[in-house]
Structures are given as structure tokens and as C-alpha cells.
Amino acid sequence: MKKRSFIIFASLVLSIFILGFIIKFMTINRDIFTFMNDDERFPTAREVLNEDSDADIISLDERIYERDDDWEIKANYDVREEAQEIGEIKRQTTNVWWFPDFSATKLEKGTKIYINEMQQYRRGDKPGELMIKTEDDLVFYRKVVKHDDAE
């Protein structure tokens, strides 16, 4: 009886784990699972990297952010005092099949991510732009949005 209960319990735990993995995989790869794509204006990492395999991108809150070298930097801007730290890069990868939040293609693991928002950041807020403080510079990343070719 104990062996049977253990097998049922282990099967249930394994089923929950597999279901969680499948849901996370489908969320990350929402361009394949079109029935899950809640907003087609925002591309996945796969779509961005298929267009430019050398793109410098970050994934946060199920959105992709791309390095934007055209932004002007305010003089004497101290990111530690004027911006809000929201996390750090957890994984450096170019794997288009598994590109979860806090992953980046070029930034190293442990790189701090900041936003310049007036309100306190909460997971899922999907900010418009991100900032990364490097040794020499302040780098901006903007949210990638698909453009209609019909315009």
C-alpha cells in the first residue's frame, strides 16, 4: 500500500513539474504557439535573432529589449541614484528555444538592469526602456515593437 501511494504521489509531482515546464516553454516561444500570443506587436527572441543573429538583446517581462546606441546620455547622470535597479542578467545565451526573462545575448551574467521610472517596478510591468551601467558608459535598451510594412 505504501509503495502504491508513493508511486501515485511521485507521478503527481512529476506531472505538475512537466506541466509547468510546458507552460513556460510555450510562453517563451509564443510565436510558435499562436493561440497564446496575446499581443502580436512584440516579437519573440527567436524572431529578433532570426532577423539579426548578432543582435544585442535582453528578455524581461516576456518582452525583448534591443540595444539602442542613438540615445543621448544626460550629463552627470548617476544611475545608482536616479534609476531603480530591477534585477540582473541571469543567463547569457543565443538559444532561441529557451530565452527566459533576465536572459541576454551579449551582457554577462550578473550585469545589473535599471529603469528610469517614477513608480516602483513590479514584475510584469513591461517598462519601455532599460539601462545598463557598464564600466565606461550607460547603455540603453528599448522595447522591440514590430512595424507594419503596410504603412
Protein backbone atom coordinates (compact mmCIF):
# COMPACT_ATOMS: atom_id res chain seq x y z
CA MET A 1 0.00 0.00 0.00
CA LYS A 2 2.82 2.42 0.86
CA LYS A 3 4.58 1.65 -2.41
CA ARG A 4 1.41 2.35 -4.37
CA SER A 5 0.82 5.67 -2.53
CA PHE A 6 4.43 6.68 -3.21
CA ILE A 7 4.09 5.90 -6.92
CA ILE A 8 0.86 7.94 -7.15
CA PHE A 9 2.46 10.85 -5.28
CA ALA A 10 5.63 10.75 -7.42
CA SER A 11 3.54 10.61 -10.60
CA LEU A 12 1.53 13.63 -9.47
CA VAL A 13 4.66 15.65 -8.63
CA LEU A 14 6.29 14.72 -11.93
CA SER A 15 3.10 15.63 -13.85
CA ILE A 16 2.98 19.06 -12.19
CA PHE A 17 6.67 19.64 -12.97
CA ILE A 18 6.23 18.66 -16.63
CA LEU A 19 3.10 20.80 -16.97
CA GLY A 20 4.97 23.80 -15.50
CA PHE A 21 7.84 23.29 -17.94
CA ILE A 22 5.46 23.04 -20.91
CA ILE A 23 3.64 26.23 -19.91
CA LYS A 24 6.94 28.13 -19.51
CA PHE A 25 8.22 26.79 -22.85
CA MET A 26 5.00 27.84 -24.59
CA THR A 27 5.18 31.32 -23.05
CA ILE A 28 8.76 31.86 -24.19
CA ASN A 29 8.02 30.50 -27.67
CA ARG A 30 4.67 32.22 -28.18
CA ASP A 31 5.42 32.85 -31.86
CA ILE A 32 5.11 29.09 -32.47
CA PHE A 33 2.02 28.70 -30.29
CA THR A 34 -0.02 31.47 -31.91
CA PHE A 35 -3.11 30.76 -29.83
CA MET A 36 -1.13 32.04 -26.80
CA ASN A 37 0.18 35.22 -28.39
CA ASP A 38 -1.71 37.90 -26.51
CA ASP A 39 -0.09 40.76 -28.39
CA GLU A 40 1.48 40.23 -31.79
CA ARG A 41 3.11 43.68 -31.79
CA PHE A 42 6.01 42.37 -29.71
CA PRO A 43 8.39 39.83 -31.29
CA THR A 44 10.00 36.90 -29.51
CA ALA A 45 13.75 36.42 -29.13
CA ARG A 46 13.61 33.91 -31.99
CA GLU A 47 12.06 36.46 -34.34
CA VAL A 48 14.58 39.16 -33.41
CA LEU A 49 17.58 36.81 -33.69
CA ASN A 50 16.32 35.36 -36.99
CA GLU A 51 16.40 38.90 -38.43
CA ASP A 52 19.79 39.75 -36.89
CA SER A 53 21.77 36.86 -35.41
CA ASP A 54 24.21 39.34 -33.83
CA ALA A 55 21.52 41.42 -32.06
CA ASP A 56 22.25 42.67 -28.54
CA ILE A 57 19.01 41.87 -26.71
CA ILE A 58 17.59 41.33 -23.21
CA SER A 59 14.40 39.48 -22.24
CA LEU A 60 12.28 40.96 -19.42
CA ASP A 61 8.60 40.52 -18.58
CA GLU A 62 8.02 38.47 -21.76
CA ARG A 63 9.28 41.36 -23.91
CA ILE A 64 12.50 41.74 -25.87
CA TYR A 65 14.67 44.84 -25.48
CA GLU A 66 17.34 45.76 -28.04
CA ARG A 67 20.42 47.93 -27.52
CA ASP A 68 19.83 51.49 -28.70
CA ASP A 69 23.07 53.42 -29.28
CA ASP A 70 21.21 56.50 -30.56
CA TRP A 71 20.01 57.71 -27.15
CA GLU A 72 21.67 60.76 -25.67
CA ILE A 73 23.07 60.38 -22.19
CA LYS A 74 22.36 63.11 -19.67
CA ALA A 75 25.49 64.76 -18.33
CA ASN A 76 26.44 63.68 -14.81
CA TYR A 77 23.69 61.04 -14.68
CA ASP A 78 24.33 58.71 -11.75
CA VAL A 79 22.36 55.55 -12.47
CA ARG A 80 22.70 54.32 -8.89
CA GLU A 81 20.98 57.46 -7.50
CA GLU A 82 18.48 58.35 -10.21
CA ALA A 83 17.39 54.94 -11.51
CA GLN A 84 15.80 51.87 -9.99
CA GLU A 85 17.61 48.53 -10.06
CA ILE A 86 15.15 45.83 -11.11
CA GLY A 87 17.37 42.78 -11.35
CA GLU A 88 20.39 41.32 -13.07
CA ILE A 89 21.19 39.16 -16.06
CA LYS A 90 20.81 35.53 -15.02
CA ARG A 91 21.89 33.91 -18.27
CA GLN A 92 23.90 34.80 -21.38
CA THR A 93 22.60 32.81 -24.33
CA THR A 94 21.71 32.84 -28.01
CA ASN A 95 19.44 29.81 -27.67
CA VAL A 96 16.23 30.91 -29.40
CA TRP A 97 14.28 27.95 -27.97
CA TRP A 98 14.91 28.86 -24.33
CA PHE A 99 15.30 32.62 -23.80
CA PRO A 100 13.55 33.30 -20.46
CA ASP A 101 13.31 36.60 -18.59
CA PHE A 102 16.62 38.15 -17.48
CA SER A 103 18.49 36.49 -20.36
CA ALA A 104 20.79 38.42 -22.71
CA THR A 105 22.80 37.70 -25.83
CA LYS A 106 25.81 39.95 -25.12
CA LEU A 107 25.65 41.05 -21.48
CA GLU A 108 27.40 38.89 -18.91
CA LYS A 109 25.63 37.07 -16.10
CA GLY A 110 25.31 39.36 -13.08
CA THR A 111 25.04 42.62 -15.06
CA LYS A 112 22.61 44.93 -13.22
CA ILE A 113 19.47 46.18 -15.02
CA TYR A 114 17.96 49.59 -14.22
CA ILE A 115 14.87 51.54 -15.24
CA ASN A 116 14.19 55.25 -15.03
CA GLU A 117 10.57 55.07 -13.92
CA MET A 118 8.83 57.25 -11.35
CA GLN A 119 6.82 54.39 -9.86
CA GLN A 120 8.17 51.34 -8.08
CA TYR A 121 8.78 48.47 -10.53
CA ARG A 122 6.72 45.30 -10.12
CA ARG A 123 7.34 42.07 -12.00
CA GLY A 124 5.24 42.14 -15.16
CA ASP A 125 5.24 45.95 -15.64
CA LYS A 126 6.99 45.70 -19.04
CA PRO A 127 8.90 49.03 -18.94
CA GLY A 128 9.57 50.91 -22.19
CA GLU A 129 13.32 51.07 -21.83
CA LEU A 130 16.11 49.59 -19.73
CA MET A 131 19.52 50.93 -18.72
CA ILE A 132 22.75 49.04 -18.16
CA LYS A 133 25.71 50.64 -16.40
CA THR A 134 28.99 49.40 -17.81
CA GLU A 135 32.46 50.34 -16.59
CA ASP A 136 32.72 53.24 -19.04
CA ASP A 137 29.22 54.03 -20.16
CA LEU A 138 25.47 53.98 -19.67
CA VAL A 139 23.76 51.79 -22.28
CA PHE A 140 20.07 51.98 -23.18
CA TYR A 141 17.84 49.16 -24.39
CA ARG A 142 14.42 49.87 -25.92
CA LYS A 143 11.44 47.54 -26.15
CA VAL A 144 11.25 45.94 -29.61
CA VAL A 145 7.96 46.52 -31.42
CA LYS A 146 7.02 45.05 -34.80
CA HIS A 147 6.34 47.60 -37.52
CA ASP A 148 3.64 47.10 -40.12
CA ASP A 149 5.10 47.01 -43.61
CA ALA A 150 1.78 48.32 -44.95
CA GLU A 151 2.37 51.81 -43.51
